[in-house]
């Protein structure tokens, strides 16, 4: 959160908190009722309120959720959203002169609920400007889309994490995610706790669990890191990784059940609450576009890193 014209009752930073909003009965601050969200004072002049956000990752917007949970008599009548592309360190003053693009026109809101909106933005965005009309409170703002990394990053000759979400990687599917979401596997940075990872239920029958990833592009994997930090009594016993070259698949499309997967990492033991690094064990297969992590038989993995070099475009 970079700026807001007003956050008298509740701070703008609450808008992007990862946790679900909560309500504390009977709790007040020296300014009024404590609310888990962003809340402006009652406007007595013309205009409306707004806040400025730097997106976690640059991308193409596909959806917005405006959550007004617990704001019943004090939610905004409507909202709108604009985006722009600017350097990540741009100040609020510098962003005033940016080329802003309206991706969500003024739209009515309902109180005490999630308000979903579909967005089909064609321009890459790094920052967003959220407008509420004329004033009021919003608990959370969620902005969804497809990551669009800086092409200069992907064209560098050195090794990068081909699976990383910041490079355009995506976890397409998983066999199970009862306790933890598959998308956590490729998030930036170290895991924050056992909640910040992919975890399956306890398997009672034959088989094993798996997750399928689409990589940032076509590349050759040379190093694999499987991070089980915080998974102490529930880490998988072992894992393997397979690769597939399927550049013809469209955005978000899964490989077929008969796809010719090739083993990159043979079934290898894992340790609880640790980072296991495989480099000499990685098979020198041809460049791939998709990877499949297999865990045996079940359990939790916090992060998966697939280091390698992207194949030059057109090669």
Protein backbone atom coordinates (compact mmCIF):
# COMPACT_ATOMS: atom_id res chain seq x y z
CA UNK A 1 0.00 0.00 0.00
CA UNK A 2 1.52 3.29 -1.08
CA UNK A 3 -1.01 5.99 -0.20
CA UNK A 4 -4.63 6.86 0.53
CA UNK A 5 -6.39 10.19 0.63
CA UNK A 6 -8.00 9.23 3.97
CA UNK A 7 -7.94 6.30 6.40
CA UNK A 8 -9.34 7.98 9.49
CA UNK A 9 -11.17 5.02 11.01
CA UNK A 10 -9.12 2.06 9.81
CA UNK A 11 -5.74 1.92 8.00
CA UNK A 12 -5.33 1.25 4.28
CA UNK A 13 -2.81 -1.56 4.98
CA UNK A 14 -5.66 -3.82 6.14
CA UNK A 15 -6.92 -4.01 2.55
CA UNK A 16 -4.13 -6.37 1.49
CA UNK A 17 -3.74 -8.49 4.62
CA UNK A 18 -3.56 -12.19 3.77
CA UNK A 19 -5.93 -13.28 6.54
CA UNK A 20 -9.71 -13.24 6.35
CA UNK A 21 -11.33 -10.17 7.96
CA UNK A 22 -12.61 -10.54 11.53
CA UNK A 23 -15.04 -8.63 13.75
CA UNK A 24 -14.35 -7.72 17.37
CA UNK A 25 -17.54 -7.09 19.25
CA UNK A 26 -17.41 -4.07 21.54
CA UNK A 27 -13.86 -2.99 20.63
CA UNK A 28 -13.29 0.70 19.94
CA UNK A 29 -10.32 2.97 19.25
CA UNK A 30 -10.08 6.66 20.10
CA UNK A 31 -11.56 7.34 16.63
CA UNK A 32 -14.47 4.94 16.64
CA UNK A 33 -15.36 1.28 16.19
CA UNK A 34 -12.36 -0.99 15.48
CA UNK A 35 -12.76 -2.42 11.99
CA UNK A 36 -10.60 -4.91 10.11
CA UNK A 37 -10.33 -3.06 6.82
CA UNK A 38 -9.80 0.36 5.27
CA UNK A 39 -12.37 2.92 6.38
CA UNK A 40 -12.55 6.62 5.60
CA UNK A 41 -14.45 9.33 7.46
CA UNK A 42 -17.92 10.47 6.36
CA UNK A 43 -17.39 12.77 3.38
CA UNK A 44 -19.02 16.21 3.67
CA UNK A 45 -17.58 17.63 0.47
CA UNK A 46 -17.70 16.70 -3.21
CA UNK A 47 -15.46 13.94 -4.53
CA UNK A 48 -14.64 10.41 -3.44
CA UNK A 49 -11.93 8.42 -1.64
CA UNK A 50 -9.08 6.39 -3.14
CA UNK A 51 -5.94 4.43 -2.34
CA UNK A 52 -2.82 3.55 -4.30
CA UNK A 53 -1.34 0.02 -4.41
CA UNK A 54 1.86 -1.46 -5.81
CA UNK A 55 0.98 -4.94 -7.04
CA UNK A 56 2.87 -7.89 -5.61
CA UNK A 57 3.82 -8.96 -9.15
CA UNK A 58 3.27 -7.27 -12.52
CA UNK A 59 0.65 -8.90 -14.67
CA UNK A 60 -2.53 -8.91 -16.75
CA UNK A 61 -5.62 -8.53 -14.58
CA UNK A 62 -8.39 -11.11 -14.81
CA UNK A 63 -10.50 -10.52 -11.71
CA UNK A 64 -11.13 -8.36 -8.67
CA UNK A 65 -12.86 -9.17 -5.38
CA UNK A 66 -13.97 -6.29 -3.15
CA UNK A 67 -14.77 -7.75 0.26
CA UNK A 68 -16.98 -5.57 2.48
CA UNK A 69 -17.18 -8.12 5.32
CA UNK A 70 -18.66 -6.60 8.52
CA UNK A 71 -19.21 -3.24 6.85
CA UNK A 72 -23.00 -3.08 6.97
CA UNK A 73 -24.08 0.54 7.41
CA UNK A 74 -20.78 2.04 6.33
CA UNK A 75 -19.73 0.38 3.06
CA UNK A 76 -19.21 2.40 -0.15
CA UNK A 77 -22.00 2.69 -2.68
CA UNK A 78 -19.66 1.79 -5.55
CA UNK A 79 -16.05 1.27 -6.56
CA UNK A 80 -13.73 1.49 -9.60
CA UNK A 81 -10.19 0.36 -10.40
CA UNK A 82 -7.44 1.76 -12.61
CA UNK A 83 -3.99 0.33 -13.36
CA UNK A 84 -0.74 1.57 -14.83
CA UNK A 85 2.75 0.30 -15.61
CA UNK A 86 5.57 2.14 -13.85
CA UNK A 87 8.93 1.42 -12.16
CA UNK A 88 8.46 -0.53 -8.92
CA UNK A 89 10.05 2.23 -6.83
CA UNK A 90 7.78 5.00 -8.17
CA UNK A 91 6.52 7.38 -5.51
CA UNK A 92 2.85 8.40 -5.20
CA UNK A 93 3.78 11.81 -6.63
CA UNK A 94 5.47 10.21 -9.64
CA UNK A 95 2.48 7.94 -10.24
CA UNK A 96 0.17 10.94 -10.59
CA UNK A 97 1.55 11.53 -14.09
CA UNK A 98 1.43 7.83 -15.10
CA UNK A 99 -0.81 6.63 -17.92
CA UNK A 100 -3.75 5.13 -16.04
CA UNK A 101 -6.12 2.62 -17.64
CA UNK A 102 -9.62 1.93 -16.27
CA UNK A 103 -10.05 -1.85 -15.91
CA UNK A 104 -13.15 -1.81 -13.71
CA UNK A 105 -15.64 0.99 -14.34
CA UNK A 106 -17.73 2.36 -11.50
CA UNK A 107 -19.64 -0.64 -10.15
CA UNK A 108 -22.19 -1.04 -7.38
CA UNK A 109 -21.19 -2.74 -4.13
CA UNK A 110 -23.12 -4.74 -1.55
CA UNK A 111 -22.32 -4.67 2.13
CA UNK A 112 -20.94 -7.44 4.34
CA UNK A 113 -20.02 -9.78 1.48
CA UNK A 114 -17.51 -10.51 -1.26
CA UNK A 115 -18.17 -8.56 -4.47
CA UNK A 116 -16.50 -10.36 -7.43
CA UNK A 117 -15.85 -8.66 -10.77
CA UNK A 118 -14.43 -10.12 -13.97
CA UNK A 119 -11.67 -8.10 -15.60
CA UNK A 120 -10.02 -8.68 -19.01
CA UNK A 121 -7.11 -6.24 -19.05
CA UNK A 122 -4.81 -6.29 -22.07
CA UNK A 123 -2.13 -4.00 -20.65
CA UNK A 124 0.57 -5.08 -18.20
CA UNK A 125 0.05 -3.53 -14.76
CA UNK A 126 2.41 -2.83 -11.89
CA UNK A 127 0.24 -0.47 -9.80
CA UNK A 128 -3.47 -0.04 -9.10
CA UNK A 129 -5.63 2.88 -7.97
CA UNK A 130 -8.77 1.81 -6.11
CA UNK A 131 -11.66 4.28 -5.90
CA UNK A 132 -14.66 4.11 -3.55
CA UNK A 133 -17.74 6.30 -3.96
CA UNK A 134 -18.20 8.43 -2.01
CA UNK A 135 -16.62 7.06 1.21
CA UNK A 136 -16.85 4.16 3.64
CA UNK A 137 -15.14 0.90 4.47
CA UNK A 138 -13.76 -2.11 2.58
CA UNK A 139 -12.30 -5.10 4.43
CA UNK A 140 -10.10 -6.68 1.73
CA UNK A 141 -9.16 -6.07 -1.90
CA UNK A 142 -8.02 -9.03 -4.00
CA UNK A 143 -6.61 -8.47 -7.49
CA UNK A 144 -6.13 -11.61 -9.60
CA UNK A 145 -4.39 -12.11 -12.91
CA UNK A 146 -1.64 -13.69 -14.97
CA UNK A 147 1.91 -12.81 -14.01
CA UNK A 148 3.75 -10.93 -16.77
CA UNK A 149 7.45 -10.85 -15.82
CA UNK A 150 9.93 -8.38 -17.23
CA UNK A 151 11.21 -9.94 -20.50
CA UNK A 152 14.71 -8.76 -19.60
CA UNK A 153 14.69 -11.08 -16.58
CA UNK A 154 13.78 -14.10 -18.68
CA UNK A 155 16.40 -13.33 -21.33
CA UNK A 156 19.34 -13.32 -18.92
CA UNK A 157 21.92 -16.03 -19.55
CA UNK A 158 22.18 -17.14 -15.91
CA UNK A 159 20.08 -19.82 -14.28
CA UNK A 160 16.65 -18.84 -12.91
CA UNK A 161 13.89 -20.65 -11.04
CA UNK A 162 11.82 -21.87 -13.99
CA UNK A 163 8.86 -22.73 -11.75
CA UNK A 164 8.68 -19.43 -9.83
CA UNK A 165 5.43 -17.50 -9.99
CA UNK A 166 7.39 -14.25 -10.39
CA UNK A 167 8.81 -15.62 -13.64
CA UNK A 168 5.42 -16.71 -14.94
CA UNK A 169 5.26 -20.26 -13.56
CA UNK A 170 1.91 -21.74 -12.55
CA UNK A 171 0.74 -24.81 -10.63
CA UNK A 172 -2.00 -26.11 -12.92
CA UNK A 173 -3.38 -28.97 -10.83
CA UNK A 174 -2.77 -31.24 -7.85
CA UNK A 175 -4.13 -34.60 -6.82
CA UNK A 176 -5.26 -33.22 -3.45
CA UNK A 177 -4.87 -30.05 -1.38
CA UNK A 178 -7.01 -30.71 1.65
CA UNK A 179 -4.72 -28.85 4.09
CA UNK A 180 -2.65 -26.52 1.89
CA UNK A 181 -2.97 -24.82 -1.49
CA UNK A 182 -0.89 -26.00 -4.45
CA UNK A 183 -0.08 -22.41 -5.47
CA UNK A 184 2.06 -21.98 -2.34
CA UNK A 185 4.66 -24.30 -3.89
CA UNK A 186 6.05 -21.58 -6.16
CA UNK A 187 5.56 -18.42 -4.08
CA UNK A 188 8.54 -16.07 -3.60
CA UNK A 189 10.67 -16.26 -0.47
CA UNK A 190 10.90 -18.73 2.37
CA UNK A 191 7.75 -20.37 3.78
CA UNK A 192 6.18 -18.58 6.76
CA UNK A 193 4.81 -21.66 8.50
CA UNK A 194 3.06 -24.96 7.96
CA UNK A 195 0.06 -23.05 6.62
CA UNK A 196 2.24 -21.66 3.83
CA UNK A 197 2.68 -24.75 1.67
CA UNK A 198 0.96 -27.54 -0.24
CA UNK A 199 -0.31 -30.35 2.00
CA UNK A 200 -2.48 -33.33 1.14
CA UNK A 201 -4.69 -35.46 3.37
CA UNK A 202 -3.42 -38.78 4.76
CA UNK A 203 -3.57 -41.37 1.98
CA UNK A 204 -5.29 -44.61 3.02
CA UNK A 205 -5.18 -46.42 -0.31
CA UNK A 206 -2.64 -47.16 -3.04
CA UNK A 207 -0.95 -44.50 -5.13
CA UNK A 208 0.68 -41.17 -4.33
CA UNK A 209 0.04 -37.44 -4.60
CA UNK A 210 1.27 -35.10 -7.33
CA UNK A 211 1.26 -31.52 -8.63
CA UNK A 212 1.62 -30.40 -12.27
CA UNK A 213 3.38 -27.13 -13.09
CA UNK A 214 3.68 -25.00 -16.20
CA UNK A 215 7.13 -23.41 -16.31
CA UNK A 216 8.06 -19.85 -17.23
CA UNK A 217 9.02 -21.10 -20.69
CA UNK A 218 10.86 -23.93 -22.35
CA UNK A 219 14.04 -24.66 -20.45
CA UNK A 220 16.47 -27.25 -19.19
CA UNK A 221 16.34 -28.04 -15.45
CA UNK A 222 19.74 -28.52 -13.79
CA UNK A 223 18.98 -28.16 -10.07
CA UNK A 224 15.95 -29.04 -7.94
CA UNK A 225 15.13 -27.87 -4.42
CA UNK A 226 12.34 -29.50 -2.41
CA UNK A 227 11.59 -27.49 0.74
CA UNK A 228 9.72 -29.24 3.58
CA UNK A 229 10.35 -26.59 6.24
CA UNK A 230 7.71 -26.57 9.02
CA UNK A 231 6.46 -30.00 7.91
CA UNK A 232 7.90 -32.03 10.79
CA UNK A 233 5.58 -35.01 11.29
CA UNK A 234 3.88 -34.79 7.93
CA UNK A 235 6.60 -34.44 5.27
CA UNK A 236 6.54 -36.92 2.35
CA UNK A 237 8.86 -39.89 2.64
CA UNK A 238 10.27 -39.32 -0.85
CA UNK A 239 9.67 -37.52 -4.13
CA UNK A 240 10.38 -37.63 -7.84
CA UNK A 241 10.14 -35.05 -10.64
CA UNK A 242 9.14 -35.59 -14.27
CA UNK A 243 9.28 -33.25 -17.25
CA UNK A 244 7.33 -32.77 -20.44
CA UNK A 245 7.83 -30.63 -23.55
CA UNK A 246 4.37 -29.43 -24.63
CA UNK A 247 4.69 -25.85 -25.92
CA UNK A 248 1.48 -26.28 -27.93
CA UNK A 249 -0.68 -26.27 -24.76
CA UNK A 250 -2.69 -23.08 -24.23
CA UNK A 251 -2.68 -20.95 -21.06
CA UNK A 252 -3.79 -23.10 -18.13
CA UNK A 253 -4.36 -26.22 -20.26
CA UNK A 254 -3.36 -29.53 -18.66
CA UNK A 255 -1.28 -32.19 -20.42
CA UNK A 256 -3.30 -35.25 -21.46
CA UNK A 257 -3.29 -38.42 -19.41
CA UNK A 258 -1.18 -40.09 -22.12
CA UNK A 259 1.48 -37.37 -22.27
CA UNK A 260 5.06 -38.74 -22.54
CA UNK A 261 6.54 -37.64 -19.21
CA UNK A 262 10.30 -38.16 -18.74
CA UNK A 263 11.94 -38.68 -15.37
CA UNK A 264 14.19 -35.79 -14.32
CA UNK A 265 14.69 -36.87 -10.71
CA UNK A 266 14.26 -40.49 -9.75
CA UNK A 267 12.41 -41.35 -6.54
CA UNK A 268 14.58 -39.85 -3.77
CA UNK A 269 14.20 -39.64 0.01
CA UNK A 270 13.13 -36.42 1.74
CA UNK A 271 13.70 -35.22 5.29
CA UNK A 272 11.19 -33.36 7.48
CA UNK A 273 11.61 -29.62 8.08
CA UNK A 274 14.54 -29.20 5.69
CA UNK A 275 15.58 -28.14 2.19
CA UNK A 276 16.77 -31.03 0.03
CA UNK A 277 18.90 -29.98 -2.94
CA UNK A 278 19.37 -32.23 -5.97
CA UNK A 279 21.88 -31.32 -8.67
CA UNK A 280 24.06 -34.32 -9.57
CA UNK A 281 20.94 -36.47 -9.34
CA UNK A 282 19.11 -34.50 -12.04
CA UNK A 283 18.93 -36.30 -15.40
CA UNK A 284 20.03 -34.23 -18.42
CA UNK A 285 16.73 -34.43 -20.32
CA UNK A 286 15.72 -32.20 -23.22
CA UNK A 287 14.23 -28.75 -22.47
CA UNK A 288 10.72 -28.95 -20.97
CA UNK A 289 7.69 -26.71 -20.57
CA UNK A 290 5.90 -28.61 -17.78
CA UNK A 291 6.95 -30.48 -14.66
CA UNK A 292 5.24 -32.95 -12.33
CA UNK A 293 6.24 -33.27 -8.68
CA UNK A 294 5.35 -36.66 -7.22
CA UNK A 295 5.35 -37.14 -3.45
CA UNK A 296 5.23 -40.56 -1.79
CA UNK A 297 2.79 -41.32 -0.45
CA UNK A 298 1.37 -37.97 0.75
CA UNK A 299 2.23 -35.02 3.02
CA UNK A 300 3.36 -31.43 2.81
CA UNK A 301 5.88 -29.51 0.71
CA UNK A 302 6.43 -25.80 1.32
CA UNK A 303 8.33 -24.79 -1.83
CA UNK A 304 9.59 -26.31 -5.06
CA UNK A 305 12.43 -24.66 -6.99
CA UNK A 306 13.39 -25.84 -10.48
CA UNK A 307 16.57 -24.03 -11.45
CA UNK A 308 17.71 -23.92 -15.05
CA UNK A 309 18.11 -21.85 -18.20
CA UNK A 310 15.38 -20.88 -20.61
CA UNK A 311 15.78 -21.85 -24.21
CA UNK A 312 16.11 -18.74 -26.43
CA UNK A 313 12.87 -17.78 -28.17
CA UNK A 314 12.65 -19.46 -31.56
CA UNK A 315 15.31 -22.05 -30.73
